[in-house]
Amino acid sequence: MTPKPRTRWLILILIGLIAAGAIAALLWPQPQTVDMGEVTRGPMKLVIEDDGRTRVSESYTVSTPVSGRLQRLDIHVGDHVVANETVVARMRPALPAVLDARSRAQAEAALAEAQAALSAAEGDYRAAVAMREQADSDLARSQRLALSGTISQSKLDRDQINADYAAAQEAAAKAAIAMREAALASAKSVLQNDAAANNSDGVEPIPLYAPATGTVLQILQENETVLSAGSPIMEIGDISEGLEVVADLLSRDAVRVRLGDPVEITDWGGPDVLEGKVVRIDPSGTTKVSALGVEEQRVGVVIAFTGDSAQRAGLGHGFQVTARIVVWQNPDALRVPSSALFRRGTGWAVFKVEDGRAREVNVKIGTDNGTYAELQDGLSEGDKVVLYPVETLEDGAPVEARSGG
């Protein structure tokens, strides 16, 4: 039985509608799958991070006070020492060199000459004493005769002059003996020093005391050896209270650091994040070569620990750490994920998700720490935004959240 014409038309129209719906469904824009984030409120901070090393702020170098032979040290790195009590080293002062045969013969001849000169001076002194005694006797006799008028006044005056001259000669002879005795002592000392140099073990060693209370940080000369005056032996410092951190920052980062900025010290080997603050910024930079061979201008920044010293137990001198200097922070910032931002002209924009569609919104941002950007205008807390927007995403395009996004 053939369908009626009207029924046939209804069937054809239904088939057309189904086909048109299928075509429309195929041509209808499909929502793009995107990662989504949210505008939130929370703490933000901007840090400058770089490697650092610990050091003792006040270290003391023990040096040799005189030239001599340093004895082998009984002290070791890490030992505790007390100022002016702990003997950290001992040394024997250097003695004159041993005389060779020619020099010794000259020294012995000089000694004999000095002895002979002393004998001659003593003879001259005895003669001067005799002359002075004779002059005094003549003066006394002339004074008695002058009282009776037996001799003239001129005779008395001559005897007085002779007595004074004889006294002066005696004094000069006595001084000559002192000079000859000193020359003899000098000649003897040359031979005595030579004898001592041949027997240097008899010289008493000089003890060197610790200049400060602390820990032995480094031993520069441990074995027995001969050192000149001023040679460094060891380094001493107080690790428990005098420890600090030095970080060499790039100059463009150092200009943003201020005295007193808080610092987080990590990667030092312990479980806690140590606290510190910037106490000094070097006024000049130095050129250093990076591991890639690039010249960089580095500026030294000194950081003092501010927390309990018990938290950094085990941290010593010359240890490597990571210093995170906080140059800006806001405990309650309106923030948007940095990955949602993209450039639009000279400003910034994001795609805000409204009713399943991405709407381009211009925003004004402040500080960006790479994870979040401080939001100053354009969005509100709780707004959804598209993360990592692709170039093909257009304003008004339908979007849907990626599974788990």
Protein backbone atom coordinates (compact mmCIF):
# COMPACT_ATOMS: atom_id res chain seq x y z
CA MET A 1 0.00 0.00 0.00
CA THR A 2 1.46 3.39 -1.09
CA PRO A 3 1.73 6.16 1.51
CA LYS A 4 -0.46 9.11 1.02
CA PRO A 5 1.16 12.19 -0.52
CA ARG A 6 0.79 14.20 2.67
CA THR A 7 2.51 11.57 4.79
CA ARG A 8 5.28 11.33 2.25
CA TRP A 9 5.94 15.08 2.52
CA LEU A 10 6.02 14.92 6.29
CA ILE A 11 8.66 12.20 6.16
CA LEU A 12 10.79 14.21 3.74
CA ILE A 13 10.56 17.34 5.91
CA LEU A 14 11.56 15.34 9.02
CA ILE A 15 14.54 13.87 7.20
CA GLY A 16 15.57 17.40 6.07
CA LEU A 17 15.32 18.76 9.58
CA ILE A 18 17.46 15.94 10.95
CA ALA A 19 20.06 16.51 8.23
CA ALA A 20 20.07 20.28 8.85
CA GLY A 21 20.49 19.70 12.61
CA ALA A 22 23.38 17.35 11.98
CA ILE A 23 25.08 19.88 9.68
CA ALA A 24 24.49 22.69 12.21
CA ALA A 25 25.92 20.55 14.99
CA LEU A 26 29.03 19.86 12.92
CA LEU A 27 29.49 23.54 12.04
CA TRP A 28 28.69 24.90 15.52
CA PRO A 29 31.87 26.23 17.33
CA GLN A 30 33.15 23.70 19.87
CA PRO A 31 34.40 25.02 23.26
CA GLN A 32 38.19 25.01 23.62
CA THR A 33 39.63 23.03 26.48
CA VAL A 34 41.78 25.33 28.62
CA ASP A 35 43.49 25.45 32.01
CA MET A 36 41.80 27.84 34.38
CA GLY A 37 42.96 29.79 37.39
CA GLU A 38 41.34 32.12 39.89
CA VAL A 39 41.95 35.61 41.20
CA THR A 40 42.65 35.26 44.92
CA ARG A 41 43.87 37.18 47.92
CA GLY A 42 46.94 36.10 49.82
CA PRO A 43 50.53 36.88 50.77
CA MET A 44 52.99 37.88 48.05
CA LYS A 45 56.68 38.60 48.11
CA LEU A 46 59.43 39.28 45.62
CA VAL A 47 62.79 37.70 46.36
CA ILE A 48 66.26 37.86 44.84
CA GLU A 49 67.86 34.45 45.11
CA ASP A 50 71.53 33.59 44.78
CA ASP A 51 74.14 31.26 46.19
CA GLY A 52 76.05 32.40 49.25
CA ARG A 53 78.71 31.15 51.64
CA THR A 54 79.11 31.42 55.36
CA ARG A 55 82.08 33.04 57.06
CA VAL A 56 83.12 34.20 60.51
CA SER A 57 82.65 37.96 60.72
CA GLU A 58 85.74 38.48 62.88
CA SER A 59 88.54 35.98 62.30
CA TYR A 60 91.99 36.17 63.83
CA THR A 61 95.21 35.02 62.20
CA VAL A 62 97.95 33.67 64.46
CA SER A 63 101.36 34.69 63.05
CA THR A 64 104.97 34.14 64.09
CA PRO A 65 106.24 37.04 66.27
CA VAL A 66 109.90 36.42 65.37
CA SER A 67 111.84 34.42 62.84
CA GLY A 68 112.56 30.89 63.97
CA ARG A 69 111.62 27.23 63.83
CA LEU A 70 107.95 26.36 64.33
CA GLN A 71 107.37 23.11 66.20
CA ARG A 72 104.76 20.66 64.93
CA LEU A 73 101.29 21.72 66.06
CA ASP A 74 99.36 19.68 68.61
CA ILE A 75 96.11 21.49 67.82
CA HIS A 76 93.64 20.57 65.06
CA VAL A 77 90.93 22.22 62.99
CA GLY A 78 87.70 22.44 65.00
CA ASP A 79 89.38 22.55 68.42
CA HIS A 80 88.04 25.10 70.89
CA VAL A 81 90.53 27.66 72.20
CA VAL A 82 90.39 30.30 74.95
CA ALA A 83 91.90 33.76 74.54
CA ASN A 84 95.29 34.23 76.26
CA GLU A 85 95.07 30.75 77.83
CA THR A 86 95.31 28.09 75.14
CA VAL A 87 98.79 27.55 73.69
CA VAL A 88 98.19 27.06 69.98
CA ALA A 89 101.84 26.82 68.82
CA ARG A 90 105.45 26.88 70.00
CA MET A 91 108.56 28.06 68.17
CA ARG A 92 112.28 28.44 68.78
CA PRO A 93 113.75 31.84 67.86
CA ALA A 94 116.25 31.88 65.02
CA LEU A 95 119.95 32.06 66.06
CA PRO A 96 122.90 33.53 64.14
CA ALA A 97 124.40 31.33 61.47
CA VAL A 98 127.27 28.99 62.41
CA LEU A 99 130.66 30.59 61.68
CA ASP A 100 132.88 29.06 59.05
CA ALA A 101 136.60 28.42 59.77
CA ARG A 102 137.77 31.78 58.40
CA SER A 103 135.10 33.78 60.26
CA ARG A 104 135.82 31.88 63.48
CA ALA A 105 139.54 32.60 63.20
CA GLN A 106 138.75 36.28 62.70
CA ALA A 107 136.46 36.24 65.72
CA GLU A 108 139.15 34.59 67.88
CA ALA A 109 141.71 37.15 66.71
CA ALA A 110 139.32 39.96 67.51
CA LEU A 111 138.84 38.49 70.99
CA ALA A 112 142.60 38.35 71.59
CA GLU A 113 142.95 41.92 70.34
CA ALA A 114 140.19 43.09 72.67
CA GLN A 115 141.86 41.34 75.63
CA ALA A 116 145.20 42.97 74.84
CA ALA A 117 143.59 46.39 74.43
CA LEU A 118 141.92 45.97 77.81
CA SER A 119 145.25 45.11 79.43
CA ALA A 120 146.84 48.19 77.88
CA ALA A 121 143.97 50.36 79.07
CA GLU A 122 144.30 49.01 82.57
CA GLY A 123 148.06 49.84 82.49
CA ASP A 124 147.31 53.36 81.32
CA TYR A 125 144.81 53.71 84.14
CA ARG A 126 147.34 52.64 86.76
CA ALA A 127 149.86 55.15 85.38
CA ALA A 128 147.22 57.86 85.44
CA VAL A 129 146.40 57.05 89.06
CA ALA A 130 150.10 57.34 90.01
CA MET A 131 150.41 60.66 88.19
CA ARG A 132 147.31 61.98 89.91
CA GLU A 133 148.58 60.90 93.35
CA GLN A 134 151.94 62.61 92.69
CA ALA A 135 150.22 65.80 91.54
CA ASP A 136 148.02 65.83 94.64
CA SER A 137 151.10 65.41 96.85
CA ASP A 138 152.94 68.30 95.13
CA LEU A 139 149.87 70.51 95.45
CA ALA A 140 149.55 69.78 99.18
CA ARG A 141 153.24 70.62 99.79
CA SER A 142 152.98 73.87 97.80
CA GLN A 143 149.88 74.89 99.75
CA ARG A 144 151.79 74.48 103.08
CA LEU A 145 154.78 76.42 101.80
CA ALA A 146 152.57 79.15 100.42
CA LEU A 147 151.16 79.73 103.90
CA SER A 148 154.64 80.57 105.21
CA GLY A 149 155.48 82.63 102.14
CA THR A 150 158.31 80.30 101.09
CA ILE A 151 157.06 79.89 97.44
CA SER A 152 155.47 82.29 95.05
CA GLN A 153 151.78 82.32 94.09
CA SER A 154 152.63 81.34 90.50
CA LYS A 155 154.25 78.12 91.74
CA LEU A 156 151.11 77.26 93.70
CA ASP A 157 148.96 77.91 90.62
CA ARG A 158 151.06 75.62 88.43
CA ASP A 159 150.79 72.78 90.96
CA GLN A 160 146.99 73.25 91.06
CA ILE A 161 146.79 72.99 87.27
CA ASN A 162 148.96 69.86 87.27
CA ALA A 163 146.72 68.23 89.88
CA ASP A 164 143.55 69.00 87.88
CA TYR A 165 145.15 67.66 84.67
CA ALA A 166 146.21 64.45 86.39
CA ALA A 167 142.65 63.91 87.69
CA ALA A 168 141.29 64.37 84.18
CA GLN A 169 143.79 61.88 82.79
CA GLU A 170 142.73 59.35 85.41
CA ALA A 171 139.07 59.74 84.44
CA ALA A 172 139.89 59.32 80.75
CA ALA A 173 141.89 56.19 81.48
CA LYS A 174 138.98 54.77 83.46
CA ALA A 175 136.59 55.44 80.59
CA ALA A 176 138.99 53.74 78.19
CA ILE A 177 138.82 50.61 80.34
CA ALA A 178 135.01 50.60 80.05
CA MET A 179 135.27 50.89 76.25
CA ARG A 180 137.76 48.02 76.09
CA GLU A 181 135.58 45.85 78.32
CA ALA A 182 132.59 46.41 76.00
CA ALA A 183 134.70 45.53 72.95
CA LEU A 184 135.83 42.35 74.72
CA ALA A 185 132.23 41.40 75.56
CA SER A 186 131.23 41.92 71.90
CA ALA A 187 134.05 39.70 70.69
CA LYS A 188 133.10 37.01 73.19
CA SER A 189 129.40 37.14 72.16
CA VAL A 190 130.28 36.27 68.56
CA LEU A 191 131.91 33.04 69.68
CA GLN A 192 129.21 32.35 72.28
CA ASN A 193 126.44 32.71 69.64
CA ASP A 194 128.37 30.38 67.39
CA ALA A 195 128.48 27.82 70.17
CA ALA A 196 124.75 28.26 70.82
CA ALA A 197 123.98 27.83 67.12
CA ASN A 198 125.77 24.49 67.24
CA ASN A 199 123.57 23.53 70.19
CA SER A 200 120.20 25.10 69.27
CA ASP A 201 118.22 22.40 71.12
CA GLY A 202 119.05 24.15 74.35
CA VAL A 203 117.03 27.27 73.40
CA GLU A 204 113.70 27.50 75.22
CA PRO A 205 110.70 27.57 72.78
CA ILE A 206 108.32 30.57 72.81
CA PRO A 207 104.62 29.71 73.45
CA LEU A 208 102.02 31.39 71.19
CA TYR A 209 98.62 31.92 72.84
CA ALA A 210 95.21 32.13 71.17
CA PRO A 211 94.33 35.79 70.48
CA ALA A 212 90.57 35.17 70.86
CA THR A 213 88.09 32.62 72.18
CA GLY A 214 86.58 30.48 69.45
CA THR A 215 87.31 27.60 67.12
CA VAL A 216 90.31 26.80 64.95
CA LEU A 217 88.97 27.42 61.44
CA GLN A 218 92.04 26.67 59.35
CA ILE A 219 95.62 25.56 59.89
CA LEU A 220 98.01 27.11 57.39
CA GLN A 221 101.25 25.56 58.67
CA GLU A 222 101.06 22.31 60.62
CA ASN A 223 104.45 20.64 60.26
CA GLU A 224 107.72 21.74 61.84
CA THR A 225 109.50 24.26 59.63
CA VAL A 226 111.50 27.50 59.65
CA LEU A 227 109.38 30.63 59.23
CA SER A 228 110.14 34.32 59.00
CA ALA A 229 108.53 36.85 61.33
CA GLY A 230 104.88 37.55 60.46
CA SER A 231 104.20 34.23 58.71
CA PRO A 232 100.56 33.07 59.25
CA ILE A 233 100.10 29.80 61.14
CA MET A 234 96.34 29.39 61.69
CA GLU A 235 92.98 31.17 61.65
CA ILE A 236 90.65 31.37 64.66
CA GLY A 237 87.04 32.58 64.85
CA ASP A 238 83.79 32.26 66.82
CA ILE A 239 81.35 30.14 64.79
CA SER A 240 78.52 30.10 67.34
CA GLU A 241 77.95 33.88 67.48
CA GLY A 242 80.08 35.45 64.74
CA LEU A 243 78.77 33.62 61.66
CA GLU A 244 77.42 35.56 58.66
CA VAL A 245 76.58 34.94 54.99
CA VAL A 246 78.14 36.62 51.96
CA ALA A 247 76.29 36.53 48.62
CA ASP A 248 77.63 37.94 45.34
CA LEU A 249 74.60 39.39 43.53
CA LEU A 250 74.39 40.64 39.97
CA SER A 251 74.74 44.42 40.05
CA ARG A 252 71.26 44.90 38.52
CA ASP A 253 69.80 42.88 41.39
CA ALA A 254 71.92 44.50 44.08
CA VAL A 255 70.48 47.97 43.35
CA ARG A 256 67.09 46.73 44.55
CA VAL A 257 68.42 45.51 47.89
CA ARG A 258 68.27 47.77 50.95
CA LEU A 259 69.88 47.54 54.38
CA GLY A 260 67.61 45.68 56.77
CA ASP A 261 65.82 43.64 54.08
CA PRO A 262 64.74 40.25 55.53
CA VAL A 263 66.49 37.17 54.18
CA GLU A 264 65.51 33.50 54.04
CA ILE A 265 68.50 31.15 54.11
CA THR A 266 67.79 27.72 52.62
CA ASP A 267 69.61 24.71 51.17
CA TRP A 268 72.12 24.73 54.03
CA GLY A 269 71.54 21.11 54.95
CA GLY A 270 69.15 21.52 57.86
CA PRO A 271 65.35 21.17 58.03
CA ASP A 272 64.57 24.79 58.97
CA VAL A 273 64.57 27.99 56.95
CA LEU A 274 67.02 30.30 58.72
CA GLU A 275 66.26 33.98 59.17
CA GLY A 276 68.63 36.87 58.52
CA LYS A 277 68.84 40.48 57.40
CA VAL A 278 71.04 42.52 55.09
CA VAL A 279 73.67 44.42 57.12
CA ARG A 280 76.07 45.62 54.42
CA ILE A 281 76.12 46.19 50.66
CA ASP A 282 79.49 46.70 49.00
CA PRO A 283 79.77 50.11 47.32
CA SER A 284 81.66 48.71 44.33
CA GLY A 285 81.30 45.69 42.09
CA THR A 286 83.84 43.21 40.76
CA THR A 287 84.02 41.48 37.40
CA LYS A 288 83.63 37.71 37.59
CA VAL A 289 83.32 35.07 34.90
CA SER A 290 80.33 32.74 35.09
CA ALA A 291 80.39 29.01 34.43
CA LEU A 292 79.34 29.78 30.84
CA GLY A 293 82.31 32.09 30.35
CA VAL A 294 80.26 35.30 30.52
CA GLU A 295 81.68 38.30 32.35
CA GLU A 296 79.34 39.56 35.08
CA GLN A 297 79.44 42.46 37.50
CA ARG A 298 78.92 41.11 40.99
CA VAL A 299 78.30 43.03 44.23
CA GLY A 300 78.94 41.54 47.67
CA VAL A 301 76.04 41.57 50.15
CA VAL A 302 76.63 40.63 53.80
CA ILE A 303 73.78 38.96 55.71
CA ALA A 304 73.61 38.55 59.49
CA PHE A 305 71.69 35.72 61.16
CA THR A 306 68.77 36.93 63.30
CA GLY A 307 67.27 33.67 64.56
CA ASP A 308 68.29 31.31 67.34
CA SER A 309 71.80 29.96 66.82
CA ALA A 310 70.61 26.50 67.90
CA GLN A 311 68.60 26.25 64.66
CA ARG A 312 71.77 26.35 62.58
CA ALA A 313 73.71 23.77 64.58
CA GLY A 314 76.34 22.18 62.37
CA LEU A 315 76.67 25.17 60.05
CA GLY A 316 80.30 26.24 59.92
CA HIS A 317 82.76 28.55 58.22
CA GLY A 318 82.83 28.44 54.40
CA PHE A 319 79.59 26.43 53.95
CA GLN A 320 77.41 26.91 50.85
CA VAL A 321 73.83 28.17 51.30
CA THR A 322 71.07 29.79 49.25
CA ALA A 323 70.13 33.34 50.20
CA ARG A 324 66.63 34.58 49.32
CA ILE A 325 66.49 38.35 49.92
CA VAL A 326 62.93 39.68 50.25
CA VAL A 327 62.89 43.07 48.49
CA TRP A 328 59.06 43.46 48.49
CA GLN A 329 56.13 41.81 50.25
CA ASN A 330 52.39 42.27 50.76
CA PRO A 331 50.57 40.06 53.28
CA ASP A 332 47.14 40.56 51.66
CA ALA A 333 47.55 41.16 47.94
CA LEU A 334 44.89 40.72 45.25
CA ARG A 335 46.76 38.43 42.89
CA VAL A 336 46.34 36.77 39.54
CA PRO A 337 48.46 33.87 38.23
CA SER A 338 51.32 35.21 36.13
CA SER A 339 50.66 32.52 33.52
CA ALA A 340 47.28 34.17 32.70
CA LEU A 341 48.88 37.44 31.56
CA PHE A 342 49.68 38.37 27.99
CA ARG A 343 50.75 41.59 26.31
CA ARG A 344 48.16 43.81 24.65
CA GLY A 345 49.84 46.90 23.24
CA THR A 346 51.82 48.53 26.02
CA GLY A 347 49.72 46.98 28.77
CA TRP A 348 48.60 43.62 30.04
CA ALA A 349 45.42 41.63 29.51
CA VAL A 350 43.82 38.33 30.53
CA PHE A 351 40.96 36.17 29.31
CA LYS A 352 38.24 36.21 31.94
CA VAL A 353 35.81 33.28 31.81
CA GLU A 354 32.16 34.41 31.83
CA ASP A 355 29.25 32.10 31.07
CA GLY A 356 31.54 29.62 29.38
CA ARG A 357 33.17 32.19 27.13
CA ALA A 358 36.61 33.86 27.24
CA ARG A 359 36.33 37.62 27.51
CA GLU A 360 39.46 39.69 26.99
CA VAL A 361 39.97 42.15 29.87
CA ASN A 362 42.70 44.75 30.22
CA VAL A 363 44.30 44.71 33.68
CA LYS A 364 46.72 46.84 35.62
CA ILE A 365 49.35 44.95 37.57
CA GLY A 366 52.00 45.85 40.11
CA THR A 367 54.76 43.52 41.28
CA ASP A 368 55.16 40.22 39.47
CA ASN A 369 57.21 37.50 41.17
CA GLY A 370 56.85 34.96 38.36
CA THR A 371 54.14 32.95 40.11
CA TYR A 372 51.61 35.65 40.90
CA ALA A 373 51.18 39.24 39.80
CA GLU A 374 49.79 41.91 42.09
CA LEU A 375 46.44 42.99 40.60
CA GLN A 376 45.64 46.69 40.87
CA ASP A 377 42.66 47.02 38.51
CA GLY A 378 40.51 45.06 36.05
CA LEU A 379 39.43 41.94 37.98
CA SER A 380 37.85 40.98 41.29
CA GLU A 381 38.51 38.25 43.78
CA GLY A 382 37.06 34.93 42.63
CA ASP A 383 37.13 35.70 38.88
CA LYS A 384 38.15 32.79 36.69
CA VAL A 385 40.90 33.35 34.12
CA VAL A 386 42.46 31.29 31.35
CA LEU A 387 45.98 30.09 32.04
CA TYR A 388 48.57 29.89 29.27
CA PRO A 389 46.25 31.39 26.60
CA VAL A 390 47.11 30.29 23.06
CA GLU A 391 47.32 32.71 20.13
CA THR A 392 44.25 31.19 18.47
CA LEU A 393 42.01 31.99 21.46
CA GLU A 394 39.76 34.95 20.59
CA ASP A 395 37.55 37.25 22.59
CA GLY A 396 34.16 35.60 23.10
CA ALA A 397 35.31 32.10 22.19
CA PRO A 398 33.58 29.29 24.12
CA VAL A 399 35.89 27.51 26.59
CA GLU A 400 35.66 24.71 29.05
CA ALA A 401 37.97 23.69 31.89
CA ARG A 402 40.43 20.93 31.23
CA SER A 403 39.78 17.82 33.22
CA GLY A 404 41.41 18.35 36.60
CA GLY A 405 42.09 22.06 35.72
